[in-house]
Amino acid sequence: MKSPFKGKTGIKRLANAFTYSVAGTLAAFKHEDAFRQEVILSAVLIPLAIYLGQTPIEQALLIASILLIIIIELLNSSVEATVDRISVKRHKLSKRAKDIGSAAVFFSLVNAAVIWFLILVK
């Protein structure tokens, strides 16, 4: 069965995708404290990465490590919203899904810390 929401092509599809992406970003910023904190952190760290990175590769790695945190947080927030949409009752599978998403965010933070340490301290 084909989805009634599919079918846009070309520029119209790109325009719709951009609109949905902006809406998702604004929703995350409005409803997710962790996302807001990470956006503020990235607003500080990305310019710092450009300043501190000695080569374009270093700058790219420093920036990518921060953007990965944002990406993982968005995915985690979408998992949490989906689980809460299904039911707000406590369930071991809901807890597992949320805990796994939280672990993904944690490891993206560890990844960024390791990259920043290796590039800036070593």
PDB file of N, CA and C in Angstrom:
ATOM      1  N   MET A   1       0.851  -1.190   0.000  1.00  0.00           N
ATOM      2  CA  MET A   1       0.000   0.000   0.000  1.00  0.00           C
ATOM      3  C   MET A   1       0.887   1.241   0.000  1.00  0.00           C
ATOM      4  N   LYS A   2       0.612   2.150  -0.877  1.00  0.00           N
ATOM      5  CA  LYS A   2       1.401   3.365  -0.996  1.00  0.00           C
ATOM      6  C   LYS A   2       0.879   4.424  -0.025  1.00  0.00           C
ATOM      7  N   SER A   3       1.802   5.113   0.623  1.00  0.00           N
ATOM      8  CA  SER A   3       1.443   6.154   1.578  1.00  0.00           C
ATOM      9  C   SER A   3       0.852   7.358   0.845  1.00  0.00           C
ATOM     10  N   PRO A   4      -0.249   7.930   1.361  1.00  0.00           N
ATOM     11  CA  PRO A   4      -0.823   9.122   0.737  1.00  0.00           C
ATOM     12  C   PRO A   4       0.051  10.360   0.958  1.00  0.00           C
ATOM     13  N   PHE A   5       1.027  10.258   1.850  1.00  0.00           N
ATOM     14  CA  PHE A   5       1.894  11.392   2.153  1.00  0.00           C
ATOM     15  C   PHE A   5       3.119  11.439   1.244  1.00  0.00           C
ATOM     16  N   LYS A   6       3.311  10.377   0.478  1.00  0.00           N
ATOM     17  CA  LYS A   6       4.442  10.330  -0.453  1.00  0.00           C
ATOM     18  C   LYS A   6       3.974  10.809  -1.819  1.00  0.00           C
ATOM     19  N   GLY A   7       4.911  11.073  -2.705  1.00  0.00           N
ATOM     20  CA  GLY A   7       4.524  11.417  -4.063  1.00  0.00           C
ATOM     21  C   GLY A   7       5.052  12.751  -4.538  1.00  0.00           C
ATOM     22  N   LYS A   8       5.443  13.620  -3.605  1.00  0.00           N
ATOM     23  CA  LYS A   8       6.018  14.890  -4.025  1.00  0.00           C
ATOM     24  C   LYS A   8       7.409  14.615  -4.593  1.00  0.00           C
ATOM     25  N   THR A   9       7.754  15.320  -5.639  1.00  0.00           N
ATOM     26  CA  THR A   9       9.073  15.150  -6.245  1.00  0.00           C
ATOM     27  C   THR A   9       9.697  16.504  -6.536  1.00  0.00           C
ATOM     28  N   GLY A  10      10.972  16.479  -6.834  1.00  0.00           N
ATOM     29  CA  GLY A  10      11.667  17.689  -7.263  1.00  0.00           C
ATOM     30  C   GLY A  10      11.721  18.774  -6.218  1.00  0.00           C
ATOM     31  N   ILE A  11      11.567  20.002  -6.672  1.00  0.00           N
ATOM     32  CA  ILE A  11      11.671  21.180  -5.806  1.00  0.00           C
ATOM     33  C   ILE A  11      10.612  21.166  -4.711  1.00  0.00           C
ATOM     34  N   LYS A  12       9.399  20.711  -5.051  1.00  0.00           N
ATOM     35  CA  LYS A  12       8.314  20.659  -4.056  1.00  0.00           C
ATOM     36  C   LYS A  12       8.695  19.734  -2.896  1.00  0.00           C
ATOM     37  N   ARG A  13       9.302  18.594  -3.200  1.00  0.00           N
ATOM     38  CA  ARG A  13       9.733  17.664  -2.164  1.00  0.00           C
ATOM     39  C   ARG A  13      10.811  18.294  -1.293  1.00  0.00           C
ATOM     40  N   LEU A  14      11.769  18.961  -1.930  1.00  0.00           N
ATOM     41  CA  LEU A  14      12.834  19.617  -1.174  1.00  0.00           C
ATOM     42  C   LEU A  14      12.280  20.726  -0.279  1.00  0.00           C
ATOM     43  N   ALA A  15      11.346  21.498  -0.808  1.00  0.00           N
ATOM     44  CA  ALA A  15      10.736  22.570  -0.016  1.00  0.00           C
ATOM     45  C   ALA A  15       9.977  21.990   1.179  1.00  0.00           C
ATOM     46  N   ASN A  16       9.216  20.923   0.948  1.00  0.00           N
ATOM     47  CA  ASN A  16       8.491  20.273   2.046  1.00  0.00           C
ATOM     48  C   ASN A  16       9.458  19.717   3.082  1.00  0.00           C
ATOM     49  N   ALA A  17      10.518  19.052   2.634  1.00  0.00           N
ATOM     50  CA  ALA A  17      11.494  18.466   3.552  1.00  0.00           C
ATOM     51  C   ALA A  17      12.132  19.558   4.406  1.00  0.00           C
ATOM     52  N   PHE A  18      12.469  20.686   3.782  1.00  0.00           N
ATOM     53  CA  PHE A  18      13.058  21.795   4.523  1.00  0.00           C
ATOM     54  C   PHE A  18      12.075  22.329   5.570  1.00  0.00           C
ATOM     55  N   THR A  19      10.819  22.488   5.182  1.00  0.00           N
ATOM     56  CA  THR A  19       9.786  22.973   6.099  1.00  0.00           C
ATOM     57  C   THR A  19       9.620  22.034   7.282  1.00  0.00           C
ATOM     58  N   TYR A  20       9.587  20.728   7.025  1.00  0.00           N
ATOM     59  CA  TYR A  20       9.462  19.745   8.105  1.00  0.00           C
ATOM     60  C   TYR A  20      10.682  19.771   9.017  1.00  0.00           C
ATOM     61  N   SER A  21      11.855  19.959   8.440  1.00  0.00           N
ATOM     62  CA  SER A  21      13.082  20.013   9.242  1.00  0.00           C
ATOM     63  C   SER A  21      13.088  21.230  10.161  1.00  0.00           C
ATOM     64  N   VAL A  22      12.660  22.357   9.646  1.00  0.00           N
ATOM     65  CA  VAL A  22      12.580  23.564  10.477  1.00  0.00           C
ATOM     66  C   VAL A  22      11.551  23.361  11.585  1.00  0.00           C
ATOM     67  N   ALA A  23      10.399  22.807  11.254  1.00  0.00           N
ATOM     68  CA  ALA A  23       9.358  22.551  12.252  1.00  0.00           C
ATOM     69  C   ALA A  23       9.867  21.605  13.337  1.00  0.00           C
ATOM     70  N   GLY A  24      10.590  20.569  12.938  1.00  0.00           N
ATOM     71  CA  GLY A  24      11.142  19.621  13.912  1.00  0.00           C
ATOM     72  C   GLY A  24      12.176  20.266  14.819  1.00  0.00           C
ATOM     73  N   THR A  25      13.015  21.094  14.240  1.00  0.00           N
ATOM     74  CA  THR A  25      14.025  21.789  15.033  1.00  0.00           C
ATOM     75  C   THR A  25      13.367  22.732  16.040  1.00  0.00           C
ATOM     76  N   LEU A  26      12.372  23.472  15.585  1.00  0.00           N
ATOM     77  CA  LEU A  26      11.665  24.390  16.489  1.00  0.00           C
ATOM     78  C   LEU A  26      10.912  23.635  17.583  1.00  0.00           C
ATOM     79  N   ALA A  27      10.314  22.505  17.239  1.00  0.00           N
ATOM     80  CA  ALA A  27       9.606  21.697  18.242  1.00  0.00           C
ATOM     81  C   ALA A  27      10.580  21.168  19.288  1.00  0.00           C
ATOM     82  N   ALA A  28      11.726  20.691  18.834  1.00  0.00           N
ATOM     83  CA  ALA A  28      12.738  20.192  19.776  1.00  0.00           C
ATOM     84  C   ALA A  28      13.214  21.323  20.681  1.00  0.00           C
ATOM     85  N   PHE A  29      13.450  22.487  20.104  1.00  0.00           N
ATOM     86  CA  PHE A  29      13.920  23.622  20.897  1.00  0.00           C
ATOM     87  C   PHE A  29      12.862  24.035  21.925  1.00  0.00           C
ATOM     88  N   LYS A  30      11.612  23.980  21.544  1.00  0.00           N
ATOM     89  CA  LYS A  30      10.518  24.391  22.443  1.00  0.00           C
ATOM     90  C   LYS A  30      10.269  23.374  23.556  1.00  0.00           C
ATOM     91  N   HIS A  31      10.348  22.089  23.237  1.00  0.00           N
ATOM     92  CA  HIS A  31       9.900  21.053  24.169  1.00  0.00           C
ATOM     93  C   HIS A  31      11.012  20.265  24.857  1.00  0.00           C
ATOM     94  N   GLU A  32      12.238  20.372  24.401  1.00  0.00           N
ATOM     95  CA  GLU A  32      13.315  19.524  24.922  1.00  0.00           C
ATOM     96  C   GLU A  32      14.416  20.363  25.575  1.00  0.00           C
ATOM     97  N   ASP A  33      14.489  20.281  26.915  1.00  0.00           N
ATOM     98  CA  ASP A  33      15.510  21.041  27.644  1.00  0.00           C
ATOM     99  C   ASP A  33      16.919  20.654  27.215  1.00  0.00           C
ATOM    100  N   ALA A  34      17.171  19.356  27.086  1.00  0.00           N
ATOM    101  CA  ALA A  34      18.514  18.893  26.719  1.00  0.00           C
ATOM    102  C   ALA A  34      18.913  19.431  25.346  1.00  0.00           C
ATOM    103  N   PHE A  35      17.974  19.469  24.420  1.00  0.00           N
ATOM    104  CA  PHE A  35      18.276  19.991  23.083  1.00  0.00           C
ATOM    105  C   PHE A  35      18.667  21.462  23.163  1.00  0.00           C
ATOM    106  N   ARG A  36      17.914  22.242  23.944  1.00  0.00           N
ATOM    107  CA  ARG A  36      18.241  23.665  24.100  1.00  0.00           C
ATOM    108  C   ARG A  36      19.642  23.838  24.687  1.00  0.00           C
ATOM    109  N   GLN A  37      19.960  23.049  25.698  1.00  0.00           N
ATOM    110  CA  GLN A  37      21.284  23.132  26.318  1.00  0.00           C
ATOM    111  C   GLN A  37      22.380  22.790  25.310  1.00  0.00           C
ATOM    112  N   GLU A  38      22.153  21.771  24.510  1.00  0.00           N
ATOM    113  CA  GLU A  38      23.156  21.355  23.530  1.00  0.00           C
ATOM    114  C   GLU A  38      23.290  22.360  22.392  1.00  0.00           C
ATOM    115  N   VAL A  39      22.210  23.031  22.036  1.00  0.00           N
ATOM    116  CA  VAL A  39      22.295  24.086  21.016  1.00  0.00           C
ATOM    117  C   VAL A  39      23.121  25.263  21.550  1.00  0.00           C
ATOM    118  N   ILE A  40      22.891  25.624  22.804  1.00  0.00           N
ATOM    119  CA  ILE A  40      23.688  26.697  23.414  1.00  0.00           C
ATOM    120  C   ILE A  40      25.157  26.288  23.477  1.00  0.00           C
ATOM    121  N   LEU A  41      25.412  25.054  23.888  1.00  0.00           N
ATOM    122  CA  LEU A  41      26.778  24.538  23.937  1.00  0.00           C
ATOM    123  C   LEU A  41      27.421  24.582  22.552  1.00  0.00           C
ATOM    124  N   SER A  42      26.669  24.200  21.530  1.00  0.00           N
ATOM    125  CA  SER A  42      27.227  24.196  20.176  1.00  0.00           C
ATOM    126  C   SER A  42      27.468  25.617  19.669  1.00  0.00           C
ATOM    127  N   ALA A  43      26.646  26.559  20.097  1.00  0.00           N
ATOM    128  CA  ALA A  43      26.846  27.953  19.690  1.00  0.00           C
ATOM    129  C   ALA A  43      28.155  28.506  20.246  1.00  0.00           C
ATOM    130  N   VAL A  44      28.609  27.961  21.358  1.00  0.00           N
ATOM    131  CA  VAL A  44      29.895  28.346  21.931  1.00  0.00           C
ATOM    132  C   VAL A  44      31.029  27.530  21.315  1.00  0.00           C
ATOM    133  N   LEU A  45      30.826  26.214  21.213  1.00  0.00           N
ATOM    134  CA  LEU A  45      31.915  25.324  20.810  1.00  0.00           C
ATOM    135  C   LEU A  45      32.244  25.361  19.317  1.00  0.00           C
ATOM    136  N   ILE A  46      31.265  25.580  18.463  1.00  0.00           N
ATOM    137  CA  ILE A  46      31.561  25.592  17.026  1.00  0.00           C
ATOM    138  C   ILE A  46      32.478  26.759  16.637  1.00  0.00           C
ATOM    139  N   PRO A  47      32.204  27.985  17.086  1.00  0.00           N
ATOM    140  CA  PRO A  47      33.182  29.047  16.802  1.00  0.00           C
ATOM    141  C   PRO A  47      34.551  28.769  17.445  1.00  0.00           C
ATOM    142  N   LEU A  48      34.526  28.184  18.639  1.00  0.00           N
ATOM    143  CA  LEU A  48      35.774  27.824  19.303  1.00  0.00           C
ATOM    144  C   LEU A  48      36.539  26.782  18.491  1.00  0.00           C
ATOM    145  N   ALA A  49      35.827  25.841  17.899  1.00  0.00           N
ATOM    146  CA  ALA A  49      36.460  24.813  17.063  1.00  0.00           C
ATOM    147  C   ALA A  49      37.137  25.443  15.852  1.00  0.00           C
ATOM    148  N   ILE A  50      36.490  26.425  15.267  1.00  0.00           N
ATOM    149  CA  ILE A  50      37.083  27.110  14.112  1.00  0.00           C
ATOM    150  C   ILE A  50      38.351  27.852  14.539  1.00  0.00           C
ATOM    151  N   TYR A  51      38.309  28.446  15.710  1.00  0.00           N
ATOM    152  CA  TYR A  51      39.469  29.192  16.214  1.00  0.00           C
ATOM    153  C   TYR A  51      40.604  28.265  16.652  1.00  0.00           C
ATOM    154  N   LEU A  52      40.274  27.182  17.367  1.00  0.00           N
ATOM    155  CA  LEU A  52      41.306  26.316  17.948  1.00  0.00           C
ATOM    156  C   LEU A  52      41.849  25.257  16.993  1.00  0.00           C
ATOM    157  N   GLY A  53      41.038  24.826  16.052  1.00  0.00           N
ATOM    158  CA  GLY A  53      41.515  23.820  15.105  1.00  0.00           C
ATOM    159  C   GLY A  53      42.624  24.393  14.245  1.00  0.00           C
ATOM    160  N   GLN A  54      43.751  23.676  14.165  1.00  0.00           N
ATOM    161  CA  GLN A  54      44.904  24.205  13.433  1.00  0.00           C
ATOM    162  C   GLN A  54      44.855  23.888  11.943  1.00  0.00           C
ATOM    163  N   THR A  55      44.069  22.904  11.576  1.00  0.00           N
ATOM    164  CA  THR A  55      43.922  22.539  10.162  1.00  0.00           C
ATOM    165  C   THR A  55      42.433  22.412   9.860  1.00  0.00           C
ATOM    166  N   PRO A  56      42.073  22.456   8.594  1.00  0.00           N
ATOM    167  CA  PRO A  56      40.653  22.247   8.252  1.00  0.00           C
ATOM    168  C   PRO A  56      40.125  20.890   8.732  1.00  0.00           C
ATOM    169  N   ILE A  57      40.973  19.874   8.726  1.00  0.00           N
ATOM    170  CA  ILE A  57      40.543  18.553   9.206  1.00  0.00           C
ATOM    171  C   ILE A  57      40.242  18.601  10.700  1.00  0.00           C
ATOM    172  N   GLU A  58      41.100  19.240  11.469  1.00  0.00           N
ATOM    173  CA  GLU A  58      40.843  19.370  12.907  1.00  0.00           C
ATOM    174  C   GLU A  58      39.551  20.147  13.159  1.00  0.00           C
ATOM    175  N   GLN A  59      39.378  21.237  12.427  1.00  0.00           N
ATOM    176  CA  GLN A  59      38.159  22.031  12.588  1.00  0.00           C
ATOM    177  C   GLN A  59      36.924  21.191  12.255  1.00  0.00           C
ATOM    178  N   ALA A  60      37.013  20.441  11.168  1.00  0.00           N
ATOM    179  CA  ALA A  60      35.878  19.603  10.755  1.00  0.00           C
ATOM    180  C   ALA A  60      35.563  18.545  11.801  1.00  0.00           C
ATOM    181  N   LEU A  61      36.582  17.900  12.349  1.00  0.00           N
ATOM    182  CA  LEU A  61      36.359  16.873  13.373  1.00  0.00           C
ATOM    183  C   LEU A  61      35.749  17.473  14.635  1.00  0.00           C
ATOM    184  N   LEU A  62      36.257  18.612  15.059  1.00  0.00           N
ATOM    185  CA  LEU A  62      35.712  19.265  16.255  1.00  0.00           C
ATOM    186  C   LEU A  62      34.247  19.648  16.040  1.00  0.00           C
ATOM    187  N   ILE A  63      33.945  20.235  14.901  1.00  0.00           N
ATOM    188  CA  ILE A  63      32.568  20.641  14.606  1.00  0.00           C
ATOM    189  C   ILE A  63      31.665  19.425  14.436  1.00  0.00           C
ATOM    190  N   ALA A  64      32.130  18.419  13.705  1.00  0.00           N
ATOM    191  CA  ALA A  64      31.314  17.217  13.479  1.00  0.00           C
ATOM    192  C   ALA A  64      30.975  16.517  14.789  1.00  0.00           C
ATOM    193  N   SER A  65      31.910  16.511  15.734  1.00  0.00           N
ATOM    194  CA  SER A  65      31.634  15.853  17.015  1.00  0.00           C
ATOM    195  C   SER A  65      30.511  16.566  17.768  1.00  0.00           C
ATOM    196  N   ILE A  66      30.430  17.877  17.624  1.00  0.00           N
ATOM    197  CA  ILE A  66      29.358  18.646  18.278  1.00  0.00           C
ATOM    198  C   ILE A  66      28.032  18.447  17.537  1.00  0.00           C
ATOM    199  N   LEU A  67      28.074  18.482  16.210  1.00  0.00           N
ATOM    200  CA  LEU A  67      26.844  18.273  15.440  1.00  0.00           C
ATOM    201  C   LEU A  67      26.285  16.869  15.660  1.00  0.00           C
ATOM    202  N   LEU A  68      27.161  15.893  15.867  1.00  0.00           N
ATOM    203  CA  LEU A  68      26.689  14.531  16.138  1.00  0.00           C
ATOM    204  C   LEU A  68      25.859  14.486  17.424  1.00  0.00           C
ATOM    205  N   ILE A  69      26.263  15.247  18.423  1.00  0.00           N
ATOM    206  CA  ILE A  69      25.480  15.312  19.671  1.00  0.00           C
ATOM    207  C   ILE A  69      24.074  15.819  19.364  1.00  0.00           C
ATOM    208  N   ILE A  70      23.974  16.879  18.570  1.00  0.00           N
ATOM    209  CA  ILE A  70      22.665  17.450  18.214  1.00  0.00           C
ATOM    210  C   ILE A  70      21.820  16.417  17.472  1.00  0.00           C
ATOM    211  N   ILE A  71      22.441  15.731  16.525  1.00  0.00           N
ATOM    212  CA  ILE A  71      21.722  14.732  15.726  1.00  0.00           C
ATOM    213  C   ILE A  71      21.203  13.602  16.614  1.00  0.00           C
ATOM    214  N   ILE A  72      22.062  13.078  17.485  1.00  0.00           N
ATOM    215  CA  ILE A  72      21.662  11.973  18.360  1.00  0.00           C
ATOM    216  C   ILE A  72      20.578  12.437  19.332  1.00  0.00           C
ATOM    217  N   GLU A  73      20.689  13.659  19.825  1.00  0.00           N
ATOM    218  CA  GLU A  73      19.658  14.184  20.730  1.00  0.00           C
ATOM    219  C   GLU A  73      18.307  14.290  20.026  1.00  0.00           C
ATOM    220  N   LEU A  74      18.304  14.723  18.772  1.00  0.00           N
ATOM    221  CA  LEU A  74      17.051  14.788  18.015  1.00  0.00           C
ATOM    222  C   LEU A  74      16.440  13.397  17.845  1.00  0.00           C
ATOM    223  N   LEU A  75      17.273  12.422  17.529  1.00  0.00           N
ATOM    224  CA  LEU A  75      16.769  11.047  17.389  1.00  0.00           C
ATOM    225  C   LEU A  75      16.255  10.517  18.724  1.00  0.00           C
ATOM    226  N   ASN A  76      16.978  10.789  19.804  1.00  0.00           N
ATOM    227  CA  ASN A  76      16.534  10.358  21.126  1.00  0.00           C
ATOM    228  C   ASN A  76      15.199  11.009  21.495  1.00  0.00           C
ATOM    229  N   SER A  77      15.082  12.296  21.214  1.00  0.00           N
ATOM    230  CA  SER A  77      13.832  12.998  21.519  1.00  0.00           C
ATOM    231  C   SER A  77      12.663  12.430  20.720  1.00  0.00           C
ATOM    232  N   SER A  78      12.922  12.032  19.479  1.00  0.00           N
ATOM    233  CA  SER A  78      11.841  11.456  18.677  1.00  0.00           C
ATOM    234  C   SER A  78      11.430  10.085  19.211  1.00  0.00           C
ATOM    235  N   VAL A  79      12.392   9.299  19.680  1.00  0.00           N
ATOM    236  CA  VAL A  79      12.056   8.006  20.307  1.00  0.00           C
ATOM    237  C   VAL A  79      11.223   8.242  21.554  1.00  0.00           C
ATOM    238  N   GLU A  80      11.647   9.184  22.386  1.00  0.00           N
ATOM    239  CA  GLU A  80      10.909   9.462  23.621  1.00  0.00           C
ATOM    240  C   GLU A  80       9.491   9.948  23.327  1.00  0.00           C
ATOM    241  N   ALA A  81       9.335  10.827  22.346  1.00  0.00           N
ATOM    242  CA  ALA A  81       8.000  11.321  22.003  1.00  0.00           C
ATOM    243  C   ALA A  81       7.116  10.189  21.483  1.00  0.00           C
ATOM    244  N   THR A  82       7.693   9.302  20.683  1.00  0.00           N
ATOM    245  CA  THR A  82       6.925   8.174  20.150  1.00  0.00           C
ATOM    246  C   THR A  82       6.494   7.231  21.265  1.00  0.00           C
ATOM    247  N   VAL A  83       7.406   6.928  22.168  1.00  0.00           N
ATOM    248  CA  VAL A  83       7.074   6.046  23.295  1.00  0.00           C
ATOM    249  C   VAL A  83       5.983   6.682  24.148  1.00  0.00           C
ATOM    250  N   ASP A  84       6.107   7.982  24.425  1.00  0.00           N
ATOM    251  CA  ASP A  84       5.096   8.669  25.233  1.00  0.00           C
ATOM    252  C   ASP A  84       3.757   8.754  24.509  1.00  0.00           C
ATOM    253  N   ARG A  85       3.783   8.842  23.188  1.00  0.00           N
ATOM    254  CA  ARG A  85       2.544   8.864  22.401  1.00  0.00           C
ATOM    255  C   ARG A  85       1.797   7.544  22.514  1.00  0.00           C
ATOM    256  N   ILE A  86       2.569   6.455  22.544  1.00  0.00           N
ATOM    257  CA  ILE A  86       1.948   5.131  22.639  1.00  0.00           C
ATOM    258  C   ILE A  86       1.312   4.948  24.009  1.00  0.00           C
ATOM    259  N   SER A  87       2.053   5.307  25.052  1.00  0.00           N
ATOM    260  CA  SER A  87       1.529   5.202  26.409  1.00  0.00           C
ATOM    261  C   SER A  87       2.484   5.873  27.378  1.00  0.00           C
ATOM    262  N   VAL A  88       1.926   6.565  28.366  1.00  0.00           N
ATOM    263  CA  VAL A  88       2.762   7.152  29.406  1.00  0.00           C
ATOM    264  C   VAL A  88       2.877   6.221  30.612  1.00  0.00           C
ATOM    265  N   LYS A  89       2.206   5.069  30.540  1.00  0.00           N
ATOM    266  CA  LYS A  89       2.338   4.076  31.606  1.00  0.00           C
ATOM    267  C   LYS A  89       3.738   3.494  31.589  1.00  0.00           C
ATOM    268  N   ARG A  90       4.221   3.142  32.758  1.00  0.00           N
ATOM    269  CA  ARG A  90       5.542   2.520  32.845  1.00  0.00           C
ATOM    270  C   ARG A  90       5.488   1.113  32.243  1.00  0.00           C
ATOM    271  N   HIS A  91       6.475   0.844  31.413  1.00  0.00           N
ATOM    272  CA  HIS A  91       6.588  -0.482  30.794  1.00  0.00           C
ATOM    273  C   HIS A  91       8.059  -0.746  30.565  1.00  0.00           C
ATOM    274  N   LYS A  92       8.481  -1.988  30.761  1.00  0.00           N
ATOM    275  CA  LYS A  92       9.909  -2.292  30.658  1.00  0.00           C
ATOM    276  C   LYS A  92      10.459  -2.030  29.252  1.00  0.00           C
ATOM    277  N   LEU A  93       9.661  -2.241  28.212  1.00  0.00           N
ATOM    278  CA  LEU A  93      10.146  -1.964  26.858  1.00  0.00           C
ATOM    279  C   LEU A  93      10.235  -0.465  26.580  1.00  0.00           C
ATOM    280  N   SER A  94       9.311   0.304  27.143  1.00  0.00           N
ATOM    281  CA  SER A  94       9.385   1.767  27.009  1.00  0.00           C
ATOM    282  C   SER A  94      10.634   2.287  27.709  1.00  0.00           C
ATOM    283  N   LYS A  95      10.883   1.765  28.912  1.00  0.00           N
ATOM    284  CA  LYS A  95      12.083   2.166  29.649  1.00  0.00           C
ATOM    285  C   LYS A  95      13.335   1.785  28.876  1.00  0.00           C
ATOM    286  N   ARG A  96      13.345   0.592  28.318  1.00  0.00           N
ATOM    287  CA  ARG A  96      14.512   0.152  27.552  1.00  0.00           C
ATOM    288  C   ARG A  96      14.756   1.073  26.357  1.00  0.00           C
ATOM    289  N   ALA A  97      13.703   1.411  25.622  1.00  0.00           N
ATOM    290  CA  ALA A  97      13.849   2.284  24.456  1.00  0.00           C
ATOM    291  C   ALA A  97      14.407   3.645  24.866  1.00  0.00           C
ATOM    292  N   LYS A  98      13.861   4.209  25.931  1.00  0.00           N
ATOM    293  CA  LYS A  98      14.327   5.520  26.389  1.00  0.00           C
ATOM    294  C   LYS A  98      15.757   5.445  26.922  1.00  0.00           C
ATOM    295  N   ASP A  99      16.068   4.386  27.652  1.00  0.00           N
ATOM    296  CA  ASP A  99      17.428   4.225  28.184  1.00  0.00           C
ATOM    297  C   ASP A  99      18.456   4.053  27.061  1.00  0.00           C
ATOM    298  N   ILE A 100      18.101   3.320  26.035  1.00  0.00           N
ATOM    299  CA  ILE A 100      19.016   3.126  24.906  1.00  0.00           C
ATOM    300  C   ILE A 100      19.246   4.452  24.181  1.00  0.00           C
ATOM    301  N   GLY A 101      18.185   5.231  23.996  1.00  0.00           N
ATOM    302  CA  GLY A 101      18.345   6.554  23.393  1.00  0.00           C
ATOM    303  C   GLY A 101      19.231   7.452  24.241  1.00  0.00           C
ATOM    304  N   SER A 102      19.052   7.400  25.547  1.00  0.00           N
ATOM    305  CA  SER A 102      19.885   8.178  26.455  1.00  0.00           C
ATOM    306  C   SER A 102      21.339   7.728  26.373  1.00  0.00           C
ATOM    307  N   ALA A 103      21.559   6.430  26.259  1.00  0.00           N
ATOM    308  CA  ALA A 103      22.924   5.912  26.120  1.00  0.00           C
ATOM    309  C   ALA A 103      23.571   6.422  24.837  1.00  0.00           C
ATOM    310  N   ALA A 104      22.804   6.509  23.771  1.00  0.00           N
ATOM    311  CA  ALA A 104      23.336   7.025  22.509  1.00  0.00           C
ATOM    312  C   ALA A 104      23.799   8.472  22.674  1.00  0.00           C
ATOM    313  N   VAL A 105      23.005   9.282  23.363  1.00  0.00           N
ATOM    314  CA  VAL A 105      23.401  10.668  23.624  1.00  0.00           C
ATOM    315  C   VAL A 105      24.668  10.698  24.469  1.00  0.00           C
ATOM    316  N   PHE A 106      24.712   9.858  25.503  1.00  0.00           N
ATOM    317  CA  PHE A 106      25.890   9.808  26.371  1.00  0.00           C
ATOM    318  C   PHE A 106      27.155   9.486  25.572  1.00  0.00           C
ATOM    319  N   PHE A 107      27.072   8.475  24.710  1.00  0.00           N
ATOM    320  CA  PHE A 107      28.253   8.090  23.943  1.00  0.00           C
ATOM    321  C   PHE A 107      28.631   9.139  22.901  1.00  0.00           C
ATOM    322  N   SER A 108      27.660   9.898  22.414  1.00  0.00           N
ATOM    323  CA  SER A 108      28.020  10.999  21.507  1.00  0.00           C
ATOM    324  C   SER A 108      28.763  12.092  22.268  1.00  0.00           C
ATOM    325  N   LEU A 109      28.399  12.303  23.539  1.00  0.00           N
ATOM    326  CA  LEU A 109      29.114  13.264  24.375  1.00  0.00           C
ATOM    327  C   LEU A 109      30.536  12.780  24.679  1.00  0.00           C
ATOM    328  N   VAL A 110      30.667  11.487  24.989  1.00  0.00           N
ATOM    329  CA  VAL A 110      31.996  10.909  25.219  1.00  0.00           C
ATOM    330  C   VAL A 110      32.841  11.037  23.954  1.00  0.00           C
ATOM    331  N   ASN A 111      32.245  10.738  22.808  1.00  0.00           N
ATOM    332  CA  ASN A 111      32.941  10.861  21.530  1.00  0.00           C
ATOM    333  C   ASN A 111      33.478  12.275  21.338  1.00  0.00           C
ATOM    334  N   ALA A 112      32.643  13.272  21.590  1.00  0.00           N
ATOM    335  CA  ALA A 112      33.074  14.664  21.430  1.00  0.00           C
ATOM    336  C   ALA A 112      34.203  14.992  22.398  1.00  0.00           C
ATOM    337  N   ALA A 113      34.081  14.557  23.638  1.00  0.00           N
ATOM    338  CA  ALA A 113      35.127  14.837  24.625  1.00  0.00           C
ATOM    339  C   ALA A 113      36.457  14.210  24.211  1.00  0.00           C
ATOM    340  N   VAL A 114      36.416  12.985  23.714  1.00  0.00           N
ATOM    341  CA  VAL A 114      37.643  12.312  23.274  1.00  0.00           C
ATOM    342  C   VAL A 114      38.263  13.050  22.087  1.00  0.00           C
ATOM    343  N   ILE A 115      37.445  13.418  21.107  1.00  0.00           N
ATOM    344  CA  ILE A 115      37.966  14.135  19.938  1.00  0.00           C
ATOM    345  C   ILE A 115      38.579  15.463  20.342  1.00  0.00           C
ATOM    346  N   TRP A 116      37.869  16.220  21.150  1.00  0.00           N
ATOM    347  CA  TRP A 116      38.399  17.524  21.586  1.00  0.00           C
ATOM    348  C   TRP A 116      39.690  17.344  22.383  1.00  0.00           C
ATOM    349  N   PHE A 117      39.725  16.338  23.252  1.00  0.00           N
ATOM    350  CA  PHE A 117      40.945  16.073  24.027  1.00  0.00           C
ATOM    351  C   PHE A 117      42.103  15.714  23.103  1.00  0.00           C
ATOM    352  N   LEU A 118      41.894  14.780  22.212  1.00  0.00           N
ATOM    353  CA  LEU A 118      42.981  14.327  21.335  1.00  0.00           C
ATOM    354  C   LEU A 118      43.509  15.446  20.441  1.00  0.00           C
ATOM    355  N   ILE A 119      42.622  16.297  19.977  1.00  0.00           N
ATOM    356  CA  ILE A 119      43.065  17.367  19.066  1.00  0.00           C
ATOM    357  C   ILE A 119      43.698  18.530  19.833  1.00  0.00           C
ATOM    358  N   LEU A 120      43.113  18.896  20.973  1.00  0.00           N
ATOM    359  CA  LEU A 120      43.554  20.119  21.638  1.00  0.00           C
ATOM    360  C   LEU A 120      44.591  19.905  22.738  1.00  0.00           C
ATOM    361  N   VAL A 121      44.616  18.734  23.333  1.00  0.00           N
ATOM    362  CA  VAL A 121      45.510  18.517  24.470  1.00  0.00           C
ATOM    363  C   VAL A 121      46.742  17.703  24.086  1.00  0.00           C
ATOM    364  N   LYS A 122      46.558  16.749  23.240  1.00  0.00           N
ATOM    365  CA  LYS A 122      47.672  15.864  22.889  1.00  0.00           C
ATOM    366  C   LYS A 122      48.629  16.490  21.931  1.00  0.00           C
TER     367      LYS A 122
END
